Protein backbone atom coordinates (compact mmCIF):
# COMPACT_ATOMS: atom_id res chain seq x y z
CA MET A 1 0.00 0.00 0.00
CA PRO A 2 1.52 3.41 -0.94
CA PHE A 3 2.20 5.90 1.87
CA THR A 4 0.03 9.00 1.98
CA LYS A 5 1.61 12.39 2.52
CA GLY A 6 0.25 12.47 6.10
CA LYS A 7 1.77 9.06 6.92
CA GLN A 8 5.08 10.09 5.41
CA THR A 9 5.11 13.24 7.57
CA SER A 10 4.29 11.26 10.73
CA ILE A 11 7.03 8.73 10.05
CA LEU A 12 9.51 11.55 9.37
CA LEU A 13 8.61 13.21 12.70
CA ILE A 14 9.09 9.90 14.53
CA PHE A 15 12.54 9.38 13.01
CA LEU A 16 13.50 13.01 13.72
CA THR A 17 12.43 12.64 17.36
CA ILE A 18 14.36 9.37 17.78
CA ALA A 19 17.43 10.92 16.17
CA LEU A 20 17.13 13.97 18.42
CA LEU A 21 16.85 11.94 21.61
CA TYR A 22 19.82 9.79 20.63
CA SER A 23 21.98 12.78 19.78
CA CYS A 24 20.98 14.61 22.99
CA GLN A 25 21.86 11.68 25.16
CA LYS A 26 25.15 11.33 23.33
CA ASP A 27 26.42 14.93 23.50
CA ASP A 28 23.91 16.37 26.00
CA THR A 29 22.81 19.18 23.70
CA ILE A 30 19.19 20.16 23.14
CA VAL A 31 17.76 21.48 19.88
CA GLN A 32 14.88 23.38 21.42
CA SER A 33 12.68 23.67 18.34
CA LEU A 34 12.34 19.88 18.18
CA PHE A 35 12.35 19.30 21.93
CA ASP A 36 9.30 21.58 22.15
CA LEU A 37 7.28 18.91 20.28
CA SER A 38 7.08 17.01 23.57
CA GLY A 39 3.97 18.84 24.65
CA ALA A 40 4.05 22.22 26.38
CA PRO A 41 0.65 23.96 26.22
CA LEU A 42 -0.05 26.64 23.62
CA GLN A 43 -1.72 28.77 26.26
CA TYR A 44 -1.48 28.73 30.05
CA ASP A 45 -4.47 29.83 32.11
CA ASP A 46 -3.50 30.62 35.71
CA SER A 47 -6.64 32.62 36.54
CA ASN A 48 -7.77 29.93 38.99
CA ALA A 49 -4.33 28.93 40.23
CA SER A 50 -4.26 27.45 43.72
CA ARG A 51 -0.60 28.22 44.53
CA HIS A 52 1.31 31.46 44.05
CA LEU A 53 4.79 32.93 44.34
CA ASN A 54 5.54 36.66 44.10
CA VAL A 55 8.83 37.04 42.24
CA VAL A 56 11.11 39.89 41.20
CA ALA A 57 13.74 39.35 38.48
CA VAL A 58 16.55 41.93 38.59
CA SER A 59 18.72 43.22 35.77
CA MET A 60 21.78 45.09 37.05
CA ILE A 61 25.14 46.46 35.95
CA CYS A 62 28.03 44.54 37.53
CA SER A 63 31.23 46.28 38.60
CA LYS A 64 34.61 44.58 38.31
CA ASP A 65 34.96 45.17 42.06
CA LYS A 66 33.35 42.50 44.27
CA SER A 67 32.65 44.74 47.25
CA GLU A 68 30.76 47.20 45.05
CA ASN A 69 28.60 44.40 43.70
CA ILE A 70 27.77 43.07 47.16
CA SER A 71 26.58 46.55 48.12
CA THR A 72 24.62 46.87 44.88
CA VAL A 73 22.87 43.52 45.38
CA ARG A 74 21.84 44.51 48.89
CA GLN A 75 20.69 47.94 47.74
CA LYS A 76 18.72 46.64 44.76
CA ALA A 77 17.09 43.90 46.81
CA THR A 78 15.94 46.58 49.26
CA GLU A 79 14.68 48.81 46.43
CA ALA A 80 12.86 45.88 44.81
CA LYS A 81 11.11 45.07 48.07
CA GLU A 82 10.18 48.74 48.58
CA GLN A 83 8.70 48.91 45.07
CA HIS A 84 7.00 45.51 45.37
CA PRO A 85 6.18 44.88 49.06
CA ASN A 86 4.55 41.52 48.26
CA ALA A 87 7.76 40.14 46.72
CA GLU A 88 8.73 36.79 48.23
CA LEU A 89 11.73 35.94 46.04
CA ILE A 90 14.25 38.26 44.37
CA LEU A 91 16.49 36.79 41.67
CA PHE A 92 19.77 38.27 40.43
CA SER A 93 21.95 37.20 37.51
CA GLU A 94 24.75 34.70 37.02
CA SER A 95 28.19 35.58 38.51
CA VAL A 96 26.78 38.79 39.92
CA LEU A 97 29.69 39.46 42.30
CA GLY A 98 31.94 40.47 39.41
CA TRP A 99 32.38 40.41 35.67
CA TYR A 100 31.30 37.17 34.06
CA ILE A 101 34.73 37.00 32.39
CA ASP A 102 37.75 39.26 32.32
CA ASP A 103 38.96 38.48 28.80
CA ASP A 104 42.38 39.98 29.53
CA ASN A 105 42.99 37.86 32.63
CA PRO A 106 40.18 35.31 32.99
CA GLU A 107 41.33 32.68 35.48
CA PRO A 108 43.27 34.92 37.92
CA TYR A 109 40.34 37.33 37.99
CA GLN A 110 37.79 34.63 38.81
CA ARG A 111 40.08 33.32 41.54
CA SER A 112 40.26 36.84 42.99
CA ILE A 113 36.47 37.13 43.39
CA ALA A 114 35.72 33.50 44.31
CA GLU A 115 34.32 32.73 47.76
CA THR A 116 33.19 29.78 49.80
CA ILE A 117 29.48 29.30 50.47
CA PRO A 118 28.76 30.40 53.11
CA GLY A 119 31.34 33.18 53.04
CA PRO A 120 31.60 36.96 53.51
CA ALA A 121 29.45 37.78 50.44
CA THR A 122 26.61 35.38 51.22
CA ASP A 123 26.77 36.33 54.92
CA SER A 124 26.30 39.98 53.98
CA ILE A 125 23.45 39.32 51.55
CA ALA A 126 21.85 36.91 54.03
CA LYS A 127 21.44 39.83 56.44
CA THR A 128 19.43 41.66 53.77
CA ALA A 129 17.31 38.58 53.07
CA LYS A 130 16.49 38.36 56.77
CA GLU A 131 15.78 42.10 57.07
CA LEU A 132 13.44 41.97 54.07
CA GLY A 133 11.90 38.63 54.99
CA CYS A 134 12.28 37.19 51.50
CA TYR A 135 14.34 34.73 49.45
CA ILE A 136 17.31 36.10 47.50
CA GLY A 137 18.97 34.14 44.69
CA LEU A 138 22.24 35.11 43.01
CA GLY A 139 25.13 33.67 41.05
CA LEU A 140 28.78 33.76 42.14
CA THR A 141 32.11 32.01 41.64
CA GLU A 142 32.36 29.45 44.43
CA LEU A 143 35.57 28.08 45.92
CA ASN A 144 35.00 24.54 47.18
CA THR A 145 37.70 21.96 48.05
CA GLY A 146 40.19 23.56 45.68
CA ASN A 147 37.80 23.79 42.72
CA HIS A 148 36.02 26.83 41.34
CA TYR A 149 32.36 26.43 40.40
CA ASN A 150 29.92 28.73 38.64
CA SER A 151 27.30 28.52 41.38
CA PHE A 152 23.81 29.78 42.19
CA VAL A 153 22.89 30.20 45.84
CA LEU A 154 19.40 30.63 47.25
CA ILE A 155 19.11 32.29 50.67
CA ASP A 156 15.87 31.94 52.65
CA PRO A 157 13.99 34.64 54.63
CA ASN A 158 15.76 33.58 57.84
CA GLY A 159 19.13 34.38 56.26
CA GLU A 160 20.05 30.70 55.88
CA ILE A 161 21.52 29.00 52.80
CA MET A 162 18.58 27.05 51.37
CA ALA A 163 20.25 25.55 48.28
CA ILE A 164 23.34 25.71 46.07
CA HIS A 165 23.31 24.74 42.41
CA ARG A 166 26.60 24.32 40.54
CA LYS A 167 26.60 24.79 36.78
CA VAL A 168 26.64 21.49 34.92
CA ASN A 169 27.01 22.64 31.30
CA ILE A 170 29.85 25.15 31.32
CA THR A 171 30.73 27.51 28.47
CA PRO A 172 34.07 28.28 26.79
CA GLU A 173 34.20 31.43 28.96
CA ASP A 174 33.79 29.29 32.07
CA ILE A 175 36.64 27.05 30.92
CA LEU A 176 38.93 30.04 30.35
CA SER A 177 38.03 31.24 33.85
CA GLY A 178 39.05 27.93 35.41
CA ILE A 179 35.52 26.78 36.27
CA THR A 180 34.94 23.10 37.04
CA PRO A 181 31.63 21.63 35.79
CA ALA A 182 29.39 19.89 38.29
CA ALA A 183 29.12 16.15 37.67
CA LYS A 184 25.96 14.75 36.12
CA VAL A 185 24.82 12.99 39.25
CA ASP A 186 21.65 13.11 41.32
CA SER A 187 23.08 15.69 43.74
CA SER A 188 23.57 18.13 40.84
CA VAL A 189 19.80 18.40 40.37
CA THR A 190 18.68 21.29 42.57
CA LEU A 191 14.97 21.32 43.37
CA VAL A 192 13.45 23.22 46.29
CA THR A 193 9.89 23.79 47.47
CA ILE A 194 8.49 27.24 48.28
CA ASN A 195 4.78 27.84 48.90
CA ASN A 196 4.20 24.19 47.96
CA ILE A 197 5.64 24.91 44.49
CA LYS A 198 8.48 22.79 43.06
CA ILE A 199 11.28 25.10 41.94
CA GLY A 200 14.25 24.01 39.83
CA MET A 201 17.54 25.91 39.80
CA ILE A 202 19.74 26.16 36.69
CA ILE A 203 22.44 28.53 35.42
CA CYS A 204 22.75 29.94 31.90
CA ALA A 205 23.94 27.16 29.54
CA ASP A 206 22.49 24.44 31.77
CA VAL A 207 19.41 25.05 29.67
CA ASN A 208 21.15 23.39 26.71
CA GLY A 209 21.67 20.11 28.53
CA PHE A 210 19.39 17.16 27.85
CA TRP A 211 20.39 15.35 31.07
CA LEU A 212 19.53 18.19 33.46
CA THR A 213 16.38 19.13 31.56
CA LYS A 214 15.14 15.55 31.75
CA GLN A 215 15.93 15.35 35.46
CA LEU A 216 13.92 18.48 36.23
CA THR A 217 11.01 17.65 33.94
CA ASP A 218 10.83 14.08 35.29
CA ARG A 219 10.65 15.56 38.80
CA LYS A 220 7.90 17.94 37.60
CA ALA A 221 9.56 21.26 38.38
CA GLU A 222 6.89 23.97 38.17
CA VAL A 223 9.14 27.05 38.20
CA ILE A 224 12.68 27.36 36.82
CA LEU A 225 14.97 30.00 38.31
CA HIS A 226 17.45 30.90 35.58
CA PRO A 227 20.22 33.46 36.23
CA MET A 228 22.16 34.37 33.08
CA ALA A 229 25.07 36.37 31.70
CA SER A 230 23.85 36.85 28.16
CA GLU A 231 23.96 39.23 25.22
CA VAL A 232 20.66 37.94 23.77
CA SER A 233 17.97 40.41 22.75
CA MET A 234 14.41 40.25 24.02
CA PHE A 235 12.40 37.20 22.89
CA LYS A 236 8.86 37.25 21.52
CA ILE A 237 8.23 33.82 23.00
CA ASP A 238 10.23 31.89 25.58
CA ALA A 239 11.36 28.47 24.33
CA VAL A 240 12.92 27.61 27.69
CA SER A 241 9.67 27.69 29.65
CA ARG A 242 8.13 25.49 26.95
CA GLN A 243 11.13 23.17 27.17
CA PHE A 244 10.57 22.63 30.89
CA ASN A 245 6.77 23.06 30.76
CA ALA A 246 7.25 25.38 33.74
CA TRP A 247 7.34 29.05 34.61
CA GLU A 248 10.76 30.61 33.97
CA VAL A 249 12.30 33.49 35.92
CA PHE A 250 15.13 34.77 33.72
CA ALA A 251 17.51 37.28 35.35
CA ASN A 252 20.35 38.80 33.33
CA ARG A 253 23.08 41.41 33.71
CA TYR A 254 23.30 44.66 31.76
CA GLY A 255 26.16 46.81 30.50
CA THR A 256 29.62 46.62 28.93
CA GLU A 257 32.44 44.52 30.36
CA LEU A 258 35.51 45.10 28.16
CA ASN A 259 34.28 44.14 24.67
CA ARG A 260 31.19 42.26 25.85
CA LYS A 261 27.83 44.02 25.90
CA TYR A 262 25.21 42.34 28.03
CA SER A 263 21.66 42.98 26.96
CA GLY A 264 19.86 43.14 30.29
CA THR A 265 17.13 40.93 28.81
CA THR A 266 15.18 39.89 31.90
CA PHE A 267 11.67 38.45 32.12
CA ILE A 268 9.17 36.07 33.67
CA ALA A 269 7.39 33.65 31.31
CA ASP A 270 4.61 31.11 31.78
CA PRO A 271 4.81 27.41 30.78
CA ALA A 272 3.36 28.17 27.34
CA GLY A 273 6.25 30.52 26.58
CA THR A 274 4.25 33.73 26.96
CA ILE A 275 6.37 36.47 28.50
CA ARG A 276 4.20 38.01 31.20
CA VAL A 277 6.61 40.80 32.17
CA GLY A 278 10.13 41.87 31.21
CA ASP A 279 12.31 44.12 29.09
CA SER A 280 15.79 44.57 27.64
CA GLN A 281 18.62 47.09 27.22
CA MET A 282 18.30 48.51 30.73
CA GLU A 283 18.60 47.86 34.43
CA GLY A 284 15.29 47.12 36.07
CA PHE A 285 12.99 45.18 38.39
CA TYR A 286 10.33 42.89 36.92
CA TYR A 287 7.65 41.70 39.31
CA TYR A 288 5.01 39.03 38.73
CA ARG A 289 2.67 36.94 40.84
CA ILE A 290 3.25 33.45 39.46
CA GLY A 291 0.23 31.18 39.58
CA VAL A 292 0.57 27.41 39.48
CA ASN A 293 -2.44 25.21 38.76
């Protein structure tokens, strides 16, 4: 019996999906346009949501000086809470205690701003979290047992370290800066619960990894916290939230660091990929009351 055009298309999609899954598992790289076929909704209705989380995503300019950045994080967290008193979680960008990379001197520079967790920087910011009574998330270069990690720390409203996620899928810039990737093991999957909502933590290029994406989707993460250091312009639709079938809180840095110009693109998107609030090419605070069905 001859194949119809519809059957040929279906068979082609099946082979493409199998090929994609095989290639992802082999080199741990996601092609989002095909991965999206797995079934995120085209529209997300949270009008009758039973669980909520009030979130602020922050775009800020990062100084090369660590102490200045610690002060700026504390100041901006306070300003964000003043502007949005209902805020429960404030998210800053990747590697926010310094430049993401000093292209002239990458590894010595990262060593100079690296800290243990807990350490002086997180101790200082923890005081602000406790004063404000909210969660604060930020990225920093972590020194741990002789290795340097690109890490994301979440501090709770009591000023305690709630979780640490270490970047699994590092970039060429991370390699130049002497960053060690986290192993692909169960302990590298960072999932916390706030307001009875499952929240996954990733950093920048972690989004490209099939292994970590599968771990978080299998565990049914409902919100993804995603600090970045990126030059990308503003999106019309968010493929990442569709990839995880979860809300995404995307916090980025802004400004020029040597020859790199960071876009400031920062937003909050629902599981269908609709950007509910956000902007680009500026510093700013972006608040949204996330609703989870």
